[in-house]
Amino acid sequence: MRYTVIVHSDTTGGYWVEVPALPGCASQGETVEEALENVKDAIKLYLEVLEEDGAQIPKDEEVVFSVTVAA
C-alpha cells in the first residue's frame, strides 16, 4: 500500500514524519532518509494492529499540492 507522509524538521534537530491517513501514526529520525525508513516500520505496525483488531484498513485518499505564496 502507498501512504502520503509529511516530513517536518524538528526544532531540536532531526525530522519527524506523520501519516495523515493513519491518525497517530508517526516516526522520527536524524536524517530525512532515516525518518522515512522508520515511518515505514510504524505504518506496518499500525496496519498489523488494525488487522488484529478486525478494523478496516484506511486507504490514502490525500491529494497533496505544494503552493508558493509571495510574501
PDB file of N, CA and C in Angstrom:
ATOM      1  N   MET A   1       0.845  -1.182   0.000  1.00  0.00           N
ATOM      2  CA  MET A   1       0.000   0.000   0.000  1.00  0.00           C
ATOM      3  C   MET A   1       0.886   1.239   0.000  1.00  0.00           C
ATOM      4  N   ARG A   2       0.337   2.319  -0.496  1.00  0.00           N
ATOM      5  CA  ARG A   2       1.055   3.588  -0.516  1.00  0.00           C
ATOM      6  C   ARG A   2       0.319   4.574   0.382  1.00  0.00           C
ATOM      7  N   TYR A   3       1.104   5.297   1.180  1.00  0.00           N
ATOM      8  CA  TYR A   3       0.544   6.322   2.046  1.00  0.00           C
ATOM      9  C   TYR A   3       1.328   7.611   1.877  1.00  0.00           C
ATOM     10  N   THR A   4       0.604   8.716   1.871  1.00  0.00           N
ATOM     11  CA  THR A   4       1.226  10.032   1.858  1.00  0.00           C
ATOM     12  C   THR A   4       1.786  10.303   3.244  1.00  0.00           C
ATOM     13  N   VAL A   5       3.012  10.812   3.292  1.00  0.00           N
ATOM     14  CA  VAL A   5       3.614  11.194   4.561  1.00  0.00           C
ATOM     15  C   VAL A   5       4.059  12.646   4.470  1.00  0.00           C
ATOM     16  N   ILE A   6       4.114  13.292   5.610  1.00  0.00           N
ATOM     17  CA  ILE A   6       4.588  14.674   5.682  1.00  0.00           C
ATOM     18  C   ILE A   6       5.807  14.685   6.586  1.00  0.00           C
ATOM     19  N   VAL A   7       6.914  15.210   6.059  1.00  0.00           N
ATOM     20  CA  VAL A   7       8.169  15.273   6.805  1.00  0.00           C
ATOM     21  C   VAL A   7       8.328  16.686   7.360  1.00  0.00           C
ATOM     22  N   HIS A   8       8.592  16.752   8.657  1.00  0.00           N
ATOM     23  CA  HIS A   8       8.788  18.027   9.343  1.00  0.00           C
ATOM     24  C   HIS A   8      10.205  18.065   9.925  1.00  0.00           C
ATOM     25  N   SER A   9      10.850  19.221   9.857  1.00  0.00           N
ATOM     26  CA  SER A   9      12.116  19.343  10.578  1.00  0.00           C
ATOM     27  C   SER A   9      11.784  19.625  12.035  1.00  0.00           C
ATOM     28  N   ASP A  10      12.570  19.040  12.924  1.00  0.00           N
ATOM     29  CA  ASP A  10      12.354  19.192  14.355  1.00  0.00           C
ATOM     30  C   ASP A  10      13.243  20.325  14.868  1.00  0.00           C
ATOM     31  N   THR A  11      12.710  21.168  15.718  1.00  0.00           N
ATOM     32  CA  THR A  11      13.481  22.313  16.229  1.00  0.00           C
ATOM     33  C   THR A  11      14.689  21.874  17.048  1.00  0.00           C
ATOM     34  N   THR A  12      14.675  20.646  17.550  1.00  0.00           N
ATOM     35  CA  THR A  12      15.802  20.152  18.343  1.00  0.00           C
ATOM     36  C   THR A  12      16.773  19.340  17.488  1.00  0.00           C
ATOM     37  N   GLY A  13      16.525  19.274  16.189  1.00  0.00           N
ATOM     38  CA  GLY A  13      17.364  18.506  15.274  1.00  0.00           C
ATOM     39  C   GLY A  13      16.633  17.282  14.768  1.00  0.00           C
ATOM     40  N   GLY A  14      17.003  16.836  13.613  1.00  0.00           N
ATOM     41  CA  GLY A  14      16.366  15.675  13.015  1.00  0.00           C
ATOM     42  C   GLY A  14      15.035  16.014  12.376  1.00  0.00           C
ATOM     43  N   TYR A  15      14.263  14.966  12.121  1.00  0.00           N
ATOM     44  CA  TYR A  15      12.999  15.111  11.401  1.00  0.00           C
ATOM     45  C   TYR A  15      11.958  14.197  12.017  1.00  0.00           C
ATOM     46  N   TRP A  16      10.691  14.594  11.889  1.00  0.00           N
ATOM     47  CA  TRP A  16       9.601  13.713  12.281  1.00  0.00           C
ATOM     48  C   TRP A  16       8.623  13.642  11.127  1.00  0.00           C
ATOM     49  N   VAL A  17       7.938  12.503  11.030  1.00  0.00           N
ATOM     50  CA  VAL A  17       7.074  12.220   9.892  1.00  0.00           C
ATOM     51  C   VAL A  17       5.703  11.798  10.400  1.00  0.00           C
ATOM     52  N   GLU A  18       4.656  12.329   9.781  1.00  0.00           N
ATOM     53  CA  GLU A  18       3.297  11.930  10.119  1.00  0.00           C
ATOM     54  C   GLU A  18       2.619  11.328   8.896  1.00  0.00           C
ATOM     55  N   VAL A  19       1.604  10.507   9.145  1.00  0.00           N
ATOM     56  CA  VAL A  19       0.851   9.840   8.090  1.00  0.00           C
ATOM     57  C   VAL A  19      -0.608  10.276   8.234  1.00  0.00           C
ATOM     58  N   PRO A  20      -1.045  11.259   7.442  1.00  0.00           N
ATOM     59  CA  PRO A  20      -2.398  11.815   7.622  1.00  0.00           C
ATOM     60  C   PRO A  20      -3.527  10.780   7.569  1.00  0.00           C
ATOM     61  N   ALA A  21      -3.403   9.759   6.749  1.00  0.00           N
ATOM     62  CA  ALA A  21      -4.474   8.766   6.623  1.00  0.00           C
ATOM     63  C   ALA A  21      -4.538   7.812   7.819  1.00  0.00           C
ATOM     64  N   LEU A  22      -3.476   7.814   8.642  1.00  0.00           N
ATOM     65  CA  LEU A  22      -3.411   6.921   9.801  1.00  0.00           C
ATOM     66  C   LEU A  22      -3.205   7.766  11.054  1.00  0.00           C
ATOM     67  N   PRO A  23      -4.262   8.292  11.632  1.00  0.00           N
ATOM     68  CA  PRO A  23      -4.147   9.186  12.787  1.00  0.00           C
ATOM     69  C   PRO A  23      -3.286   8.595  13.909  1.00  0.00           C
ATOM     70  N   GLY A  24      -2.322   9.380  14.352  1.00  0.00           N
ATOM     71  CA  GLY A  24      -1.434   8.949  15.426  1.00  0.00           C
ATOM     72  C   GLY A  24      -0.220   8.187  14.949  1.00  0.00           C
ATOM     73  N   CYS A  25      -0.156   7.857  13.668  1.00  0.00           N
ATOM     74  CA  CYS A  25       0.996   7.134  13.127  1.00  0.00           C
ATOM     75  C   CYS A  25       2.068   8.148  12.737  1.00  0.00           C
ATOM     76  N   ALA A  26       3.209   8.047  13.414  1.00  0.00           N
ATOM     77  CA  ALA A  26       4.303   8.985  13.168  1.00  0.00           C
ATOM     78  C   ALA A  26       5.613   8.317  13.547  1.00  0.00           C
ATOM     79  N   SER A  27       6.708   8.900  13.096  1.00  0.00           N
ATOM     80  CA  SER A  27       8.027   8.411  13.475  1.00  0.00           C
ATOM     81  C   SER A  27       9.010   9.559  13.340  1.00  0.00           C
ATOM     82  N   GLN A  28      10.273   9.263  13.589  1.00  0.00           N
ATOM     83  CA  GLN A  28      11.294  10.306  13.528  1.00  0.00           C
ATOM     84  C   GLN A  28      12.621   9.702  13.117  1.00  0.00           C
ATOM     85  N   GLY A  29      13.589  10.576  12.848  1.00  0.00           N
ATOM     86  CA  GLY A  29      14.934  10.132  12.508  1.00  0.00           C
ATOM     87  C   GLY A  29      15.878  11.316  12.457  1.00  0.00           C
ATOM     88  N   GLU A  30      17.157  11.032  12.494  1.00  0.00           N
ATOM     89  CA  GLU A  30      18.170  12.092  12.442  1.00  0.00           C
ATOM     90  C   GLU A  30      18.282  12.696  11.049  1.00  0.00           C
ATOM     91  N   THR A  31      18.016  11.893  10.007  1.00  0.00           N
ATOM     92  CA  THR A  31      18.038  12.370   8.626  1.00  0.00           C
ATOM     93  C   THR A  31      16.666  12.119   8.008  1.00  0.00           C
ATOM     94  N   VAL A  32      16.397  12.753   6.884  1.00  0.00           N
ATOM     95  CA  VAL A  32      15.133  12.513   6.182  1.00  0.00           C
ATOM     96  C   VAL A  32      15.032  11.041   5.804  1.00  0.00           C
ATOM     97  N   GLU A  33      16.120  10.494   5.288  1.00  0.00           N
ATOM     98  CA  GLU A  33      16.118   9.098   4.865  1.00  0.00           C
ATOM     99  C   GLU A  33      15.804   8.164   6.034  1.00  0.00           C
ATOM    100  N   GLU A  34      16.423   8.415   7.179  1.00  0.00           N
ATOM    101  CA  GLU A  34      16.181   7.591   8.361  1.00  0.00           C
ATOM    102  C   GLU A  34      14.733   7.734   8.828  1.00  0.00           C
ATOM    103  N   ALA A  35      14.225   8.953   8.822  1.00  0.00           N
ATOM    104  CA  ALA A  35      12.840   9.184   9.237  1.00  0.00           C
ATOM    105  C   ALA A  35      11.868   8.450   8.317  1.00  0.00           C
ATOM    106  N   LEU A  36      12.144   8.452   7.016  1.00  0.00           N
ATOM    107  CA  LEU A  36      11.265   7.760   6.068  1.00  0.00           C
ATOM    108  C   LEU A  36      11.326   6.249   6.257  1.00  0.00           C
ATOM    109  N   GLU A  37      12.506   5.707   6.502  1.00  0.00           N
ATOM    110  CA  GLU A  37      12.618   4.272   6.768  1.00  0.00           C
ATOM    111  C   GLU A  37      11.867   3.909   8.050  1.00  0.00           C
ATOM    112  N   ASN A  38      12.030   4.742   9.078  1.00  0.00           N
ATOM    113  CA  ASN A  38      11.367   4.470  10.360  1.00  0.00           C
ATOM    114  C   ASN A  38       9.852   4.535  10.244  1.00  0.00           C
ATOM    115  N   VAL A  39       9.343   5.475   9.437  1.00  0.00           N
ATOM    116  CA  VAL A  39       7.887   5.591   9.317  1.00  0.00           C
ATOM    117  C   VAL A  39       7.317   4.391   8.562  1.00  0.00           C
ATOM    118  N   LYS A  40       8.094   3.772   7.689  1.00  0.00           N
ATOM    119  CA  LYS A  40       7.615   2.550   7.026  1.00  0.00           C
ATOM    120  C   LYS A  40       7.335   1.469   8.066  1.00  0.00           C
ATOM    121  N   ASP A  41       8.244   1.334   9.025  1.00  0.00           N
ATOM    122  CA  ASP A  41       8.034   0.360  10.107  1.00  0.00           C
ATOM    123  C   ASP A  41       6.806   0.725  10.935  1.00  0.00           C
ATOM    124  N   ALA A  42       6.649   2.014  11.220  1.00  0.00           N
ATOM    125  CA  ALA A  42       5.497   2.467  12.003  1.00  0.00           C
ATOM    126  C   ALA A  42       4.195   2.165  11.267  1.00  0.00           C
ATOM    127  N   ILE A  43       4.170   2.368   9.968  1.00  0.00           N
ATOM    128  CA  ILE A  43       2.969   2.085   9.172  1.00  0.00           C
ATOM    129  C   ILE A  43       2.655   0.594   9.220  1.00  0.00           C
ATOM    130  N   LYS A  44       3.668  -0.247   9.025  1.00  0.00           N
ATOM    131  CA  LYS A  44       3.455  -1.699   9.065  1.00  0.00           C
ATOM    132  C   LYS A  44       2.857  -2.127  10.403  1.00  0.00           C
ATOM    133  N   LEU A  45       3.418  -1.625  11.499  1.00  0.00           N
ATOM    134  CA  LEU A  45       2.910  -1.986  12.819  1.00  0.00           C
ATOM    135  C   LEU A  45       1.488  -1.483  13.030  1.00  0.00           C
ATOM    136  N   TYR A  46       1.217  -0.257  12.603  1.00  0.00           N
ATOM    137  CA  TYR A  46      -0.114   0.335  12.715  1.00  0.00           C
ATOM    138  C   TYR A  46      -1.135  -0.554  12.001  1.00  0.00           C
ATOM    139  N   LEU A  47      -0.796  -0.962  10.758  1.00  0.00           N
ATOM    140  CA  LEU A  47      -1.718  -1.781   9.973  1.00  0.00           C
ATOM    141  C   LEU A  47      -1.893  -3.169  10.582  1.00  0.00           C
ATOM    142  N   GLU A  48      -0.819  -3.730  11.146  1.00  0.00           N
ATOM    143  CA  GLU A  48      -0.915  -5.038  11.812  1.00  0.00           C
ATOM    144  C   GLU A  48      -1.893  -4.983  12.980  1.00  0.00           C
ATOM    145  N   VAL A  49      -1.826  -3.921  13.769  1.00  0.00           N
ATOM    146  CA  VAL A  49      -2.724  -3.779  14.914  1.00  0.00           C
ATOM    147  C   VAL A  49      -4.175  -3.648  14.438  1.00  0.00           C
ATOM    148  N   LEU A  50      -4.386  -2.848  13.403  1.00  0.00           N
ATOM    149  CA  LEU A  50      -5.748  -2.720  12.862  1.00  0.00           C
ATOM    150  C   LEU A  50      -6.276  -4.070  12.405  1.00  0.00           C
ATOM    151  N   GLU A  51      -5.422  -4.814  11.701  1.00  0.00           N
ATOM    152  CA  GLU A  51      -5.822  -6.117  11.195  1.00  0.00           C
ATOM    153  C   GLU A  51      -6.153  -7.080  12.347  1.00  0.00           C
ATOM    154  N   GLU A  52      -5.315  -7.094  13.381  1.00  0.00           N
ATOM    155  CA  GLU A  52      -5.554  -7.946  14.551  1.00  0.00           C
ATOM    156  C   GLU A  52      -6.876  -7.597  15.236  1.00  0.00           C
ATOM    157  N   ASP A  53      -7.209  -6.303  15.232  1.00  0.00           N
ATOM    158  CA  ASP A  53      -8.445  -5.843  15.862  1.00  0.00           C
ATOM    159  C   ASP A  53      -9.663  -5.998  14.949  1.00  0.00           C
ATOM    160  N   GLY A  54      -9.433  -6.447  13.720  1.00  0.00           N
ATOM    161  CA  GLY A  54     -10.535  -6.609  12.777  1.00  0.00           C
ATOM    162  C   GLY A  54     -11.051  -5.303  12.216  1.00  0.00           C
ATOM    163  N   ALA A  55     -10.251  -4.259  12.343  1.00  0.00           N
ATOM    164  CA  ALA A  55     -10.663  -2.937  11.853  1.00  0.00           C
ATOM    165  C   ALA A  55     -10.348  -2.807  10.359  1.00  0.00           C
ATOM    166  N   GLN A  56     -11.060  -1.912   9.725  1.00  0.00           N
ATOM    167  CA  GLN A  56     -10.843  -1.660   8.312  1.00  0.00           C
ATOM    168  C   GLN A  56      -9.526  -0.915   8.106  1.00  0.00           C
ATOM    169  N   ILE A  57      -8.779  -1.292   7.074  1.00  0.00           N
ATOM    170  CA  ILE A  57      -7.516  -0.640   6.748  1.00  0.00           C
ATOM    171  C   ILE A  57      -7.831   0.636   5.955  1.00  0.00           C
ATOM    172  N   PRO A  58      -7.441   1.799   6.479  1.00  0.00           N
ATOM    173  CA  PRO A  58      -7.714   3.055   5.766  1.00  0.00           C
ATOM    174  C   PRO A  58      -6.932   3.144   4.459  1.00  0.00           C
ATOM    175  N   LYS A  59      -7.565   3.713   3.477  1.00  0.00           N
ATOM    176  CA  LYS A  59      -6.898   3.987   2.209  1.00  0.00           C
ATOM    177  C   LYS A  59      -6.438   5.439   2.231  1.00  0.00           C
ATOM    178  N   ASP A  60      -5.347   5.691   1.544  1.00  0.00           N
ATOM    179  CA  ASP A  60      -4.834   7.057   1.458  1.00  0.00           C
ATOM    180  C   ASP A  60      -5.531   7.752   0.305  1.00  0.00           C
ATOM    181  N   GLU A  61      -6.367   8.696   0.637  1.00  0.00           N
ATOM    182  CA  GLU A  61      -7.091   9.436  -0.388  1.00  0.00           C
ATOM    183  C   GLU A  61      -6.654  10.889  -0.427  1.00  0.00           C
ATOM    184  N   GLU A  62      -5.489  11.158   0.154  1.00  0.00           N
ATOM    185  CA  GLU A  62      -4.963  12.517   0.197  1.00  0.00           C
ATOM    186  C   GLU A  62      -4.463  12.941  -1.183  1.00  0.00           C
ATOM    187  N   VAL A  63      -4.691  14.159  -1.528  1.00  0.00           N
ATOM    188  CA  VAL A  63      -4.103  14.768  -2.706  1.00  0.00           C
ATOM    189  C   VAL A  63      -3.252  15.907  -2.170  1.00  0.00           C
ATOM    190  N   VAL A  64      -1.961  15.853  -2.435  1.00  0.00           N
ATOM    191  CA  VAL A  64      -1.032  16.818  -1.859  1.00  0.00           C
ATOM    192  C   VAL A  64      -0.511  17.730  -2.950  1.00  0.00           C
ATOM    193  N   PHE A  65      -0.569  19.026  -2.683  1.00  0.00           N
ATOM    194  CA  PHE A  65      -0.048  20.016  -3.612  1.00  0.00           C
ATOM    195  C   PHE A  65       0.916  20.928  -2.852  1.00  0.00           C
ATOM    196  N   SER A  66       1.851  21.473  -3.567  1.00  0.00           N
ATOM    197  CA  SER A  66       2.754  22.475  -2.999  1.00  0.00           C
ATOM    198  C   SER A  66       2.317  23.823  -3.554  1.00  0.00           C
ATOM    199  N   VAL A  67       2.201  24.806  -2.684  1.00  0.00           N
ATOM    200  CA  VAL A  67       1.722  26.123  -3.092  1.00  0.00           C
ATOM    201  C   VAL A  67       2.772  27.161  -2.739  1.00  0.00           C
ATOM    202  N   THR A  68       3.071  28.049  -3.667  1.00  0.00           N
ATOM    203  CA  THR A  68       4.009  29.145  -3.427  1.00  0.00           C
ATOM    204  C   THR A  68       3.207  30.420  -3.229  1.00  0.00           C
ATOM    205  N   VAL A  69       3.514  31.137  -2.162  1.00  0.00           N
ATOM    206  CA  VAL A  69       2.821  32.378  -1.847  1.00  0.00           C
ATOM    207  C   VAL A  69       3.845  33.501  -1.772  1.00  0.00           C
ATOM    208  N   ALA A  70       3.599  34.586  -2.490  1.00  0.00           N
ATOM    209  CA  ALA A  70       4.500  35.724  -2.417  1.00  0.00           C
ATOM    210  C   ALA A  70       4.302  36.425  -1.086  1.00  0.00           C
ATOM    211  N   ALA A  71       5.396  36.713  -0.414  1.00  0.00           N
ATOM    212  CA  ALA A  71       5.287  37.372   0.887  1.00  0.00           C
ATOM    213  C   ALA A  71       6.066  38.674   0.877  1.00  0.00           C
TER     214      ALA A  71
END
